[in-house]
Amino acid sequence: MTTCHVKKNDEVVVMSGASKGKRGRILSVLTGKQRVVVEGAAMIKRHTRKSQQHPQGAIIEREGSVHWSNVMLASAFDARASKRSGAAKA
């Protein structure tokens, strides 16, 4: 059993990948795949069939998953950034 350093509703920053630098809230944690779904990051386009909601079919954009090693808590990220900028000034 592996444990994750973040949990649902935590504010995180994506550290690497196509969504690098994006900040968002964790919508879900996929423990089996060691991935997290971050709000507004790793957006994918999902083609849907015709239905009553979408009579013509639709292309829906939604969040994909990011490996949990590629995210960092926003509070830790901000602390690290302020520590670096403080060291540069001194």
N, C-alpha and C. Protein backbone atom coordinates (compact mmCIF):
# COMPACT_ATOMS: atom_id res chain seq x y z
N MET A 1 0.84 -1.18 0.00
CA MET A 1 0.00 0.00 0.00
C MET A 1 0.89 1.24 0.00
N THR A 2 0.70 2.10 -0.99
CA THR A 2 1.47 3.33 -1.05
C THR A 2 0.63 4.49 -0.55
N THR A 3 1.29 5.47 0.03
CA THR A 3 0.59 6.65 0.52
C THR A 3 1.00 7.86 -0.30
N CYS A 4 0.10 8.79 -0.40
CA CYS A 4 0.34 9.99 -1.19
C CYS A 4 0.54 11.19 -0.27
N HIS A 5 1.37 12.13 -0.68
CA HIS A 5 1.65 13.32 0.13
C HIS A 5 0.58 14.39 -0.01
N VAL A 6 -0.39 14.18 -0.88
CA VAL A 6 -1.49 15.13 -1.05
C VAL A 6 -2.82 14.39 -0.95
N LYS A 7 -3.89 15.14 -0.69
CA LYS A 7 -5.20 14.52 -0.61
C LYS A 7 -6.23 15.40 -1.31
N LYS A 8 -7.45 14.91 -1.44
CA LYS A 8 -8.51 15.62 -2.13
C LYS A 8 -8.73 17.00 -1.50
N ASN A 9 -9.00 17.98 -2.35
CA ASN A 9 -9.24 19.38 -1.98
C ASN A 9 -8.00 20.14 -1.55
N ASP A 10 -6.80 19.56 -1.63
CA ASP A 10 -5.56 20.29 -1.37
C ASP A 10 -5.26 21.21 -2.55
N GLU A 11 -4.67 22.35 -2.27
CA GLU A 11 -4.22 23.29 -3.30
C GLU A 11 -2.80 22.87 -3.69
N VAL A 12 -2.57 22.58 -4.98
CA VAL A 12 -1.26 22.10 -5.44
C VAL A 12 -0.78 22.91 -6.64
N VAL A 13 0.52 22.75 -6.93
CA VAL A 13 1.15 23.33 -8.11
C VAL A 13 1.74 22.17 -8.89
N VAL A 14 1.51 22.15 -10.22
CA VAL A 14 2.07 21.11 -11.07
C VAL A 14 3.53 21.48 -11.35
N MET A 15 4.45 20.56 -11.05
CA MET A 15 5.88 20.86 -11.14
C MET A 15 6.52 20.48 -12.47
N SER A 16 5.93 19.54 -13.22
CA SER A 16 6.52 19.16 -14.49
C SER A 16 5.45 18.66 -15.44
N GLY A 17 5.80 18.58 -16.70
CA GLY A 17 4.86 18.13 -17.71
C GLY A 17 4.29 19.30 -18.49
N ALA A 18 3.30 19.02 -19.32
CA ALA A 18 2.70 20.04 -20.18
C ALA A 18 1.99 21.12 -19.36
N SER A 19 1.51 20.77 -18.19
CA SER A 19 0.79 21.72 -17.34
C SER A 19 1.67 22.34 -16.26
N LYS A 20 2.97 22.38 -16.49
CA LYS A 20 3.91 22.90 -15.50
C LYS A 20 3.56 24.32 -15.08
N GLY A 21 3.55 24.56 -13.77
CA GLY A 21 3.27 25.88 -13.23
C GLY A 21 1.82 26.15 -12.93
N LYS A 22 0.92 25.28 -13.37
CA LYS A 22 -0.50 25.51 -13.11
C LYS A 22 -0.81 25.17 -11.66
N ARG A 23 -1.71 25.96 -11.10
CA ARG A 23 -2.10 25.81 -9.71
C ARG A 23 -3.58 25.46 -9.69
N GLY A 24 -3.94 24.48 -8.86
CA GLY A 24 -5.35 24.09 -8.78
C GLY A 24 -5.61 23.19 -7.60
N ARG A 25 -6.89 22.86 -7.43
CA ARG A 25 -7.34 22.02 -6.33
C ARG A 25 -7.42 20.58 -6.81
N ILE A 26 -7.11 19.62 -5.95
CA ILE A 26 -7.19 18.21 -6.32
C ILE A 26 -8.64 17.78 -6.28
N LEU A 27 -9.13 17.25 -7.40
CA LEU A 27 -10.50 16.78 -7.50
C LEU A 27 -10.64 15.33 -7.05
N SER A 28 -9.63 14.50 -7.37
CA SER A 28 -9.65 13.11 -6.93
C SER A 28 -8.24 12.54 -6.93
N VAL A 29 -8.07 11.48 -6.14
CA VAL A 29 -6.78 10.78 -6.05
C VAL A 29 -7.02 9.35 -6.51
N LEU A 30 -6.25 8.90 -7.52
CA LEU A 30 -6.35 7.54 -8.04
C LEU A 30 -5.19 6.73 -7.46
N THR A 31 -5.40 6.12 -6.30
CA THR A 31 -4.30 5.47 -5.59
C THR A 31 -3.73 4.27 -6.35
N GLY A 32 -4.57 3.54 -7.04
CA GLY A 32 -4.10 2.37 -7.78
C GLY A 32 -3.12 2.72 -8.88
N LYS A 33 -3.31 3.87 -9.51
CA LYS A 33 -2.44 4.31 -10.60
C LYS A 33 -1.42 5.34 -10.16
N GLN A 34 -1.44 5.74 -8.87
CA GLN A 34 -0.56 6.76 -8.32
C GLN A 34 -0.68 8.08 -9.09
N ARG A 35 -1.92 8.50 -9.32
CA ARG A 35 -2.18 9.73 -10.07
C ARG A 35 -3.21 10.58 -9.35
N VAL A 36 -3.23 11.87 -9.67
CA VAL A 36 -4.21 12.79 -9.12
C VAL A 36 -4.84 13.59 -10.27
N VAL A 37 -6.08 14.01 -10.08
CA VAL A 37 -6.77 14.86 -11.05
C VAL A 37 -6.79 16.26 -10.46
N VAL A 38 -6.12 17.20 -11.14
CA VAL A 38 -6.00 18.58 -10.66
C VAL A 38 -6.91 19.47 -11.50
N GLU A 39 -7.65 20.33 -10.82
CA GLU A 39 -8.59 21.24 -11.47
C GLU A 39 -7.84 22.18 -12.42
N GLY A 40 -8.21 22.15 -13.70
CA GLY A 40 -7.63 23.05 -14.69
C GLY A 40 -6.30 22.61 -15.29
N ALA A 41 -5.79 21.45 -14.89
CA ALA A 41 -4.50 20.97 -15.40
C ALA A 41 -4.69 19.71 -16.23
N ALA A 42 -3.83 19.48 -17.19
CA ALA A 42 -3.84 18.29 -18.05
C ALA A 42 -5.20 18.11 -18.72
N MET A 43 -5.68 19.18 -19.34
CA MET A 43 -7.00 19.14 -19.99
C MET A 43 -6.97 18.22 -21.21
N ILE A 44 -8.00 17.37 -21.32
CA ILE A 44 -8.13 16.46 -22.46
C ILE A 44 -9.47 16.70 -23.13
N LYS A 45 -9.57 16.37 -24.41
CA LYS A 45 -10.82 16.51 -25.14
C LYS A 45 -11.45 15.13 -25.28
N ARG A 46 -12.71 15.03 -24.88
CA ARG A 46 -13.44 13.77 -24.90
C ARG A 46 -14.56 13.89 -25.94
N HIS A 47 -14.52 13.06 -26.98
CA HIS A 47 -15.55 13.06 -28.01
C HIS A 47 -16.70 12.18 -27.54
N THR A 48 -17.91 12.75 -27.50
CA THR A 48 -19.06 12.00 -27.01
C THR A 48 -20.03 11.69 -28.14
N ARG A 49 -20.79 10.64 -27.96
CA ARG A 49 -21.79 10.24 -28.94
C ARG A 49 -23.02 11.13 -28.83
N LYS A 50 -23.90 11.01 -29.79
CA LYS A 50 -25.16 11.74 -29.73
C LYS A 50 -25.97 11.26 -28.54
N SER A 51 -26.60 12.19 -27.84
CA SER A 51 -27.44 11.86 -26.70
C SER A 51 -28.52 12.93 -26.57
N GLN A 52 -29.39 12.78 -25.58
CA GLN A 52 -30.42 13.80 -25.39
C GLN A 52 -29.81 15.13 -24.95
N GLN A 53 -28.75 15.07 -24.14
CA GLN A 53 -28.10 16.31 -23.72
C GLN A 53 -27.37 16.98 -24.88
N HIS A 54 -26.77 16.17 -25.76
CA HIS A 54 -26.00 16.67 -26.91
C HIS A 54 -26.52 15.99 -28.17
N PRO A 55 -27.58 16.52 -28.79
CA PRO A 55 -28.18 15.85 -29.95
C PRO A 55 -27.23 15.71 -31.14
N GLN A 56 -26.25 16.61 -31.27
CA GLN A 56 -25.31 16.54 -32.37
C GLN A 56 -24.02 15.82 -31.99
N GLY A 57 -23.91 15.37 -30.73
CA GLY A 57 -22.63 14.89 -30.23
C GLY A 57 -21.84 16.10 -29.77
N ALA A 58 -20.73 15.89 -29.11
CA ALA A 58 -19.98 17.04 -28.61
C ALA A 58 -18.54 16.65 -28.33
N ILE A 59 -17.71 17.66 -28.25
CA ILE A 59 -16.33 17.49 -27.79
C ILE A 59 -16.25 18.19 -26.45
N ILE A 60 -16.13 17.41 -25.39
CA ILE A 60 -16.13 17.94 -24.03
C ILE A 60 -14.69 17.98 -23.52
N GLU A 61 -14.31 19.11 -22.94
CA GLU A 61 -12.97 19.24 -22.40
C GLU A 61 -13.03 19.02 -20.89
N ARG A 62 -12.19 18.12 -20.39
CA ARG A 62 -12.18 17.84 -18.95
C ARG A 62 -10.76 17.57 -18.49
N GLU A 63 -10.58 17.46 -17.18
CA GLU A 63 -9.26 17.27 -16.61
C GLU A 63 -8.79 15.82 -16.78
N GLY A 64 -7.53 15.67 -17.14
CA GLY A 64 -6.89 14.36 -17.14
C GLY A 64 -6.15 14.19 -15.83
N SER A 65 -5.40 13.11 -15.72
CA SER A 65 -4.67 12.87 -14.48
C SER A 65 -3.19 13.18 -14.64
N VAL A 66 -2.56 13.47 -13.50
CA VAL A 66 -1.12 13.78 -13.44
C VAL A 66 -0.52 12.86 -12.40
N HIS A 67 0.68 12.36 -12.64
CA HIS A 67 1.32 11.50 -11.64
C HIS A 67 1.56 12.32 -10.38
N TRP A 68 1.31 11.71 -9.22
CA TRP A 68 1.37 12.49 -7.98
C TRP A 68 2.78 12.92 -7.60
N SER A 69 3.80 12.37 -8.24
CA SER A 69 5.15 12.86 -7.99
C SER A 69 5.41 14.19 -8.68
N ASN A 70 4.52 14.58 -9.59
CA ASN A 70 4.69 15.82 -10.33
C ASN A 70 3.90 16.98 -9.75
N VAL A 71 3.32 16.81 -8.56
CA VAL A 71 2.61 17.92 -7.91
C VAL A 71 3.21 18.19 -6.55
N MET A 72 3.09 19.46 -6.11
CA MET A 72 3.60 19.88 -4.81
C MET A 72 2.54 20.74 -4.15
N LEU A 73 2.41 20.62 -2.85
CA LEU A 73 1.47 21.46 -2.12
C LEU A 73 1.80 22.93 -2.37
N ALA A 74 0.79 23.73 -2.59
CA ALA A 74 1.00 25.15 -2.90
C ALA A 74 1.66 25.87 -1.75
N SER A 75 1.35 25.50 -0.51
CA SER A 75 1.96 26.16 0.64
C SER A 75 3.47 25.88 0.68
N ALA A 76 3.86 24.65 0.37
CA ALA A 76 5.29 24.31 0.34
C ALA A 76 5.99 25.02 -0.82
N PHE A 77 5.29 25.13 -1.94
CA PHE A 77 5.85 25.81 -3.11
C PHE A 77 6.07 27.29 -2.82
N ASP A 78 5.09 27.93 -2.18
CA ASP A 78 5.21 29.35 -1.85
C ASP A 78 6.31 29.59 -0.82
N ALA A 79 6.42 28.69 0.17
CA ALA A 79 7.47 28.82 1.18
C ALA A 79 8.84 28.69 0.54
N ARG A 80 8.97 27.76 -0.40
CA ARG A 80 10.24 27.56 -1.09
C ARG A 80 10.58 28.79 -1.94
N ALA A 81 9.59 29.36 -2.60
CA ALA A 81 9.82 30.53 -3.46
C ALA A 81 10.24 31.74 -2.62
N SER A 82 9.58 31.95 -1.48
CA SER A 82 9.94 33.10 -0.63
C SER A 82 11.31 32.90 0.01
N LYS A 83 11.64 31.66 0.31
CA LYS A 83 12.96 31.36 0.89
C LYS A 83 14.06 31.66 -0.14
N ARG A 84 13.81 31.30 -1.39
CA ARG A 84 14.80 31.56 -2.44
C ARG A 84 14.94 33.06 -2.71
N SER A 85 13.85 33.79 -2.76
CA SER A 85 13.94 35.22 -3.03
C SER A 85 14.56 35.97 -1.87
N GLY A 86 14.33 35.50 -0.63
CA GLY A 86 14.94 36.11 0.54
C GLY A 86 16.43 35.88 0.57
N ALA A 87 16.88 34.71 0.13
CA ALA A 87 18.31 34.39 0.11
C ALA A 87 19.03 35.21 -0.97
N ALA A 88 18.33 35.51 -2.06
CA ALA A 88 18.94 36.27 -3.15
C ALA A 88 19.16 37.73 -2.73
N LYS A 89 18.25 38.28 -1.91
CA LYS A 89 18.37 39.66 -1.49
C LYS A 89 19.45 39.85 -0.42
N ALA A 90 19.63 38.85 0.42
CA ALA A 90 20.59 38.98 1.54
C ALA A 90 22.01 38.79 1.14
